[in-house]
Amino acid sequence: MHADPHAAVKVATDADTRRARLKELGALLTGHLEGVIYPPLSDVGDTGHATMAYTEQAAAKMQMGLLERMNPMSEDFEDKFGHLEGAVTHHVYEEERKWFTELYASAPDADHAVIAKRYSEEFNCYMSGGDGAAMFGGVSNATGAPQRINSSKDLVHRSSAPQT
């Protein structure tokens, strides 16, 4: 997969390649954390963020469904895709910079390994190629920067790392 899945869609020069890159991005969005991170986030008292995150995730999936039916080389596609990219980038920023850090600080220590294991399992359900944590750890969703997630502590480390 391209280091920046949004860029991979945008730079595709033909309809078939753009559709293929959009499908890869869709798999990445589907192999997301909603069933792993959002429930414990709610459990530690952050139900508002968990609910907002579920809503944003559902909206992104609906937009992906609409994009799949559009001419991938059209201006309308590019406009809609630009809006989706902005929404996803903001969503990931909120997760990586705020919610993961809050979850790590609030969740009992015993939950950290469980969350990291479930994250890897869930992601691996949607992405092929072996270990979900190692595969997802290849890049940040938002920045394309190298990442590796072995535990929920890595989620916090990733969240608190300075932006370059």
C-alpha atoms as a PDB file:
ATOM      1  CA  MET A   1       0.000   0.000   0.000  1.00  0.00           C
ATOM      2  CA  HIS A   2       1.165   3.529  -0.756  1.00  0.00           C
ATOM      3  CA  ALA A   3       2.618   5.420   2.228  1.00  0.00           C
ATOM      4  CA  ASP A   4      -0.147   8.026   1.916  1.00  0.00           C
ATOM      5  CA  PRO A   5      -3.352   6.294   0.783  1.00  0.00           C
ATOM      6  CA  HIS A   6      -5.095   9.619   0.045  1.00  0.00           C
ATOM      7  CA  ALA A   7      -2.218  10.731  -2.178  1.00  0.00           C
ATOM      8  CA  ALA A   8      -2.264   7.368  -3.931  1.00  0.00           C
ATOM      9  CA  VAL A   9      -5.854   8.034  -5.010  1.00  0.00           C
ATOM     10  CA  LYS A  10      -5.135  11.592  -6.092  1.00  0.00           C
ATOM     11  CA  VAL A  11      -2.034  10.817  -8.168  1.00  0.00           C
ATOM     12  CA  ALA A  12      -3.572   7.880 -10.040  1.00  0.00           C
ATOM     13  CA  THR A  13      -3.540   8.738 -13.741  1.00  0.00           C
ATOM     14  CA  ASP A  14      -6.256   6.390 -14.968  1.00  0.00           C
ATOM     15  CA  ALA A  15      -9.695   5.285 -13.781  1.00  0.00           C
ATOM     16  CA  ASP A  16      -8.773   1.659 -13.022  1.00  0.00           C
ATOM     17  CA  THR A  17      -5.777   2.627 -10.883  1.00  0.00           C
ATOM     18  CA  ARG A  18      -7.768   5.288  -9.056  1.00  0.00           C
ATOM     19  CA  ARG A  19     -10.548   2.777  -8.320  1.00  0.00           C
ATOM     20  CA  ALA A  20      -7.964   0.287  -7.020  1.00  0.00           C
ATOM     21  CA  ARG A  21      -6.364   2.907  -4.746  1.00  0.00           C
ATOM     22  CA  LEU A  22      -9.817   3.983  -3.526  1.00  0.00           C
ATOM     23  CA  LYS A  23     -10.558   0.350  -2.672  1.00  0.00           C
ATOM     24  CA  GLU A  24      -7.297   0.147  -0.691  1.00  0.00           C
ATOM     25  CA  LEU A  25      -8.224   3.310   1.193  1.00  0.00           C
ATOM     26  CA  GLY A  26     -11.668   1.841   1.863  1.00  0.00           C
ATOM     27  CA  ALA A  27     -10.064  -1.278   3.353  1.00  0.00           C
ATOM     28  CA  LEU A  28      -7.910   0.903   5.578  1.00  0.00           C
ATOM     29  CA  LEU A  29     -10.952   2.844   6.770  1.00  0.00           C
ATOM     30  CA  THR A  30     -12.918  -0.379   7.302  1.00  0.00           C
ATOM     31  CA  GLY A  31     -10.054  -1.956   9.241  1.00  0.00           C
ATOM     32  CA  HIS A  32     -10.388   0.869  11.678  1.00  0.00           C
ATOM     33  CA  LEU A  33     -10.573   1.006  15.455  1.00  0.00           C
ATOM     34  CA  GLU A  34     -14.222   1.645  16.008  1.00  0.00           C
ATOM     35  CA  GLY A  35     -14.862  -1.741  17.640  1.00  0.00           C
ATOM     36  CA  VAL A  36     -11.615  -1.678  19.619  1.00  0.00           C
ATOM     37  CA  ILE A  37     -10.848   1.836  20.819  1.00  0.00           C
ATOM     38  CA  TYR A  38     -14.219   3.551  20.982  1.00  0.00           C
ATOM     39  CA  PRO A  39     -15.898   1.170  23.494  1.00  0.00           C
ATOM     40  CA  PRO A  40     -13.075   1.510  26.072  1.00  0.00           C
ATOM     41  CA  LEU A  41     -13.013   5.254  25.393  1.00  0.00           C
ATOM     42  CA  SER A  42     -16.664   5.357  26.353  1.00  0.00           C
ATOM     43  CA  ASP A  43     -16.024   3.047  29.311  1.00  0.00           C
ATOM     44  CA  VAL A  44     -13.525   5.485  30.835  1.00  0.00           C
ATOM     45  CA  GLY A  45     -16.109   8.263  30.645  1.00  0.00           C
ATOM     46  CA  ASP A  46     -15.490   9.786  27.225  1.00  0.00           C
ATOM     47  CA  THR A  47     -18.783   8.754  25.660  1.00  0.00           C
ATOM     48  CA  GLY A  48     -19.087  12.045  23.760  1.00  0.00           C
ATOM     49  CA  HIS A  49     -15.852  11.518  21.831  1.00  0.00           C
ATOM     50  CA  ALA A  50     -16.648   7.844  21.261  1.00  0.00           C
ATOM     51  CA  THR A  51     -20.080   8.704  19.853  1.00  0.00           C
ATOM     52  CA  MET A  52     -18.668  11.475  17.676  1.00  0.00           C
ATOM     53  CA  ALA A  53     -15.954   9.123  16.403  1.00  0.00           C
ATOM     54  CA  TYR A  54     -18.530   6.449  15.470  1.00  0.00           C
ATOM     55  CA  THR A  55     -20.610   9.075  13.649  1.00  0.00           C
ATOM     56  CA  GLU A  56     -17.599  10.430  11.734  1.00  0.00           C
ATOM     57  CA  GLN A  57     -16.520   6.914  10.804  1.00  0.00           C
ATOM     58  CA  ALA A  58     -19.980   6.071   9.473  1.00  0.00           C
ATOM     59  CA  ALA A  59     -20.071   9.297   7.447  1.00  0.00           C
ATOM     60  CA  ALA A  60     -16.675   8.520   5.898  1.00  0.00           C
ATOM     61  CA  LYS A  61     -17.849   5.043   4.903  1.00  0.00           C
ATOM     62  CA  MET A  62     -20.974   6.494   3.290  1.00  0.00           C
ATOM     63  CA  GLN A  63     -18.839   8.977   1.340  1.00  0.00           C
ATOM     64  CA  MET A  64     -16.604   6.119   0.199  1.00  0.00           C
ATOM     65  CA  GLY A  65     -19.694   4.313  -1.083  1.00  0.00           C
ATOM     66  CA  LEU A  66     -20.726   7.384  -3.057  1.00  0.00           C
ATOM     67  CA  LEU A  67     -17.222   7.835  -4.483  1.00  0.00           C
ATOM     68  CA  GLU A  68     -17.206   4.227  -5.706  1.00  0.00           C
ATOM     69  CA  ARG A  69     -20.179   5.016  -7.961  1.00  0.00           C
ATOM     70  CA  MET A  70     -18.687   8.189  -9.441  1.00  0.00           C
ATOM     71  CA  ASN A  71     -16.445   8.617 -12.450  1.00  0.00           C
ATOM     72  CA  PRO A  72     -13.061   8.535 -10.664  1.00  0.00           C
ATOM     73  CA  MET A  73     -11.488  10.969 -13.118  1.00  0.00           C
ATOM     74  CA  SER A  74     -14.232  13.600 -12.814  1.00  0.00           C
ATOM     75  CA  GLU A  75     -13.967  16.952 -11.090  1.00  0.00           C
ATOM     76  CA  ASP A  76     -16.942  16.012  -8.895  1.00  0.00           C
ATOM     77  CA  PHE A  77     -15.023  12.952  -7.687  1.00  0.00           C
ATOM     78  CA  GLU A  78     -11.955  15.041  -6.910  1.00  0.00           C
ATOM     79  CA  ASP A  79     -14.050  17.598  -5.002  1.00  0.00           C
ATOM     80  CA  LYS A  80     -15.870  14.950  -2.942  1.00  0.00           C
ATOM     81  CA  PHE A  81     -12.613  13.089  -2.345  1.00  0.00           C
ATOM     82  CA  GLY A  82     -10.973  16.298  -1.123  1.00  0.00           C
ATOM     83  CA  HIS A  83     -13.752  16.760   1.424  1.00  0.00           C
ATOM     84  CA  LEU A  84     -13.403  13.141   2.548  1.00  0.00           C
ATOM     85  CA  GLU A  85      -9.641  13.491   2.880  1.00  0.00           C
ATOM     86  CA  GLY A  86     -10.025  16.586   5.042  1.00  0.00           C
ATOM     87  CA  ALA A  87     -12.599  14.929   7.281  1.00  0.00           C
ATOM     88  CA  VAL A  88     -10.532  11.755   7.690  1.00  0.00           C
ATOM     89  CA  THR A  89      -7.342  13.715   8.366  1.00  0.00           C
ATOM     90  CA  HIS A  90      -9.099  15.758  11.062  1.00  0.00           C
ATOM     91  CA  HIS A  91     -10.644  12.613  12.570  1.00  0.00           C
ATOM     92  CA  VAL A  92      -7.262  10.860  12.717  1.00  0.00           C
ATOM     93  CA  TYR A  93      -5.661  13.948  14.219  1.00  0.00           C
ATOM     94  CA  GLU A  94      -8.271  13.969  16.991  1.00  0.00           C
ATOM     95  CA  GLU A  95      -7.679  10.262  17.641  1.00  0.00           C
ATOM     96  CA  GLU A  96      -3.900  10.354  17.571  1.00  0.00           C
ATOM     97  CA  ARG A  97      -3.410  13.642  19.407  1.00  0.00           C
ATOM     98  CA  LYS A  98      -6.183  13.548  21.983  1.00  0.00           C
ATOM     99  CA  TRP A  99      -8.350  10.484  22.346  1.00  0.00           C
ATOM    100  CA  PHE A 100      -5.615   7.804  22.382  1.00  0.00           C
ATOM    101  CA  THR A 101      -3.665   9.794  24.951  1.00  0.00           C
ATOM    102  CA  GLU A 102      -6.747  10.263  27.097  1.00  0.00           C
ATOM    103  CA  LEU A 103      -7.622   6.585  26.802  1.00  0.00           C
ATOM    104  CA  TYR A 104      -4.135   5.471  27.767  1.00  0.00           C
ATOM    105  CA  ALA A 105      -4.115   7.786  30.777  1.00  0.00           C
ATOM    106  CA  SER A 106      -7.596   6.730  31.921  1.00  0.00           C
ATOM    107  CA  ALA A 107      -7.764   3.005  31.121  1.00  0.00           C
ATOM    108  CA  PRO A 108      -6.557   0.540  33.732  1.00  0.00           C
ATOM    109  CA  ASP A 109      -3.058  -0.788  33.012  1.00  0.00           C
ATOM    110  CA  ALA A 110      -4.486  -4.284  32.524  1.00  0.00           C
ATOM    111  CA  ASP A 111      -6.528  -3.002  29.563  1.00  0.00           C
ATOM    112  CA  HIS A 112      -3.544  -1.665  27.597  1.00  0.00           C
ATOM    113  CA  ALA A 113      -2.323  -5.030  26.286  1.00  0.00           C
ATOM    114  CA  VAL A 114      -5.884  -6.176  25.591  1.00  0.00           C
ATOM    115  CA  ILE A 115      -6.629  -3.038  23.548  1.00  0.00           C
ATOM    116  CA  ALA A 116      -3.384  -3.376  21.573  1.00  0.00           C
ATOM    117  CA  LYS A 117      -4.046  -7.064  20.855  1.00  0.00           C
ATOM    118  CA  ARG A 118      -7.624  -6.400  19.741  1.00  0.00           C
ATOM    119  CA  TYR A 119      -6.434  -3.489  17.596  1.00  0.00           C
ATOM    120  CA  SER A 120      -4.025  -5.795  15.788  1.00  0.00           C
ATOM    121  CA  GLU A 121      -6.650  -8.523  15.369  1.00  0.00           C
ATOM    122  CA  GLU A 122      -9.305  -6.148  14.065  1.00  0.00           C
ATOM    123  CA  PHE A 123      -6.999  -4.451  11.624  1.00  0.00           C
ATOM    124  CA  ASN A 124      -5.699  -7.790  10.388  1.00  0.00           C
ATOM    125  CA  CYS A 125      -9.277  -8.877   9.608  1.00  0.00           C
ATOM    126  CA  TYR A 126      -9.411  -6.237   6.884  1.00  0.00           C
ATOM    127  CA  MET A 127      -5.822  -5.942   5.714  1.00  0.00           C
ATOM    128  CA  SER A 128      -3.889  -8.879   4.293  1.00  0.00           C
ATOM    129  CA  GLY A 129      -0.232  -9.614   4.810  1.00  0.00           C
ATOM    130  CA  GLY A 130       0.238 -10.951   8.305  1.00  0.00           C
ATOM    131  CA  ASP A 131       0.527  -9.146  11.601  1.00  0.00           C
ATOM    132  CA  GLY A 132      -1.992  -6.324  11.716  1.00  0.00           C
ATOM    133  CA  ALA A 133      -0.040  -4.241  14.222  1.00  0.00           C
ATOM    134  CA  ALA A 134       3.166  -4.498  12.233  1.00  0.00           C
ATOM    135  CA  MET A 135       1.371  -3.764   8.977  1.00  0.00           C
ATOM    136  CA  PHE A 136      -0.565  -0.829  10.356  1.00  0.00           C
ATOM    137  CA  GLY A 137       2.579   0.311  12.074  1.00  0.00           C
ATOM    138  CA  GLY A 138       4.070   1.093   8.686  1.00  0.00           C
ATOM    139  CA  VAL A 139       2.569   4.585   8.459  1.00  0.00           C
ATOM    140  CA  SER A 140       0.391   7.011  10.331  1.00  0.00           C
ATOM    141  CA  ASN A 141      -3.083   7.349   8.834  1.00  0.00           C
ATOM    142  CA  ALA A 142      -2.787  11.125   8.842  1.00  0.00           C
ATOM    143  CA  THR A 143       0.837  11.933   8.164  1.00  0.00           C
ATOM    144  CA  GLY A 144       2.364   8.958   6.381  1.00  0.00           C
ATOM    145  CA  ALA A 145       5.186   9.064   8.967  1.00  0.00           C
ATOM    146  CA  PRO A 146       6.767   5.720   9.940  1.00  0.00           C
ATOM    147  CA  GLN A 147       5.017   4.141  12.915  1.00  0.00           C
ATOM    148  CA  ARG A 148       4.911   0.797  14.724  1.00  0.00           C
ATOM    149  CA  ILE A 149       2.225  -0.287  17.146  1.00  0.00           C
ATOM    150  CA  ASN A 150       3.032  -3.175  19.468  1.00  0.00           C
ATOM    151  CA  SER A 151       0.909  -2.062  22.404  1.00  0.00           C
ATOM    152  CA  SER A 152      -1.466   0.676  23.441  1.00  0.00           C
ATOM    153  CA  LYS A 153       1.567   2.441  24.938  1.00  0.00           C
ATOM    154  CA  ASP A 154       2.805   2.810  21.334  1.00  0.00           C
ATOM    155  CA  LEU A 155      -0.494   4.495  20.489  1.00  0.00           C
ATOM    156  CA  VAL A 156       0.269   7.130  23.109  1.00  0.00           C
ATOM    157  CA  HIS A 157       3.899   7.429  22.043  1.00  0.00           C
ATOM    158  CA  ARG A 158       2.712   7.940  18.487  1.00  0.00           C
ATOM    159  CA  SER A 159       0.157  10.455  19.672  1.00  0.00           C
ATOM    160  CA  SER A 160       2.622  12.538  21.617  1.00  0.00           C
ATOM    161  CA  ALA A 161       5.426  12.525  19.048  1.00  0.00           C
ATOM    162  CA  PRO A 162       6.207  15.958  17.612  1.00  0.00           C
ATOM    163  CA  GLN A 163       5.019  16.653  14.077  1.00  0.00           C
ATOM    164  CA  THR A 164       7.692  17.146  11.459  1.00  0.00           C
END
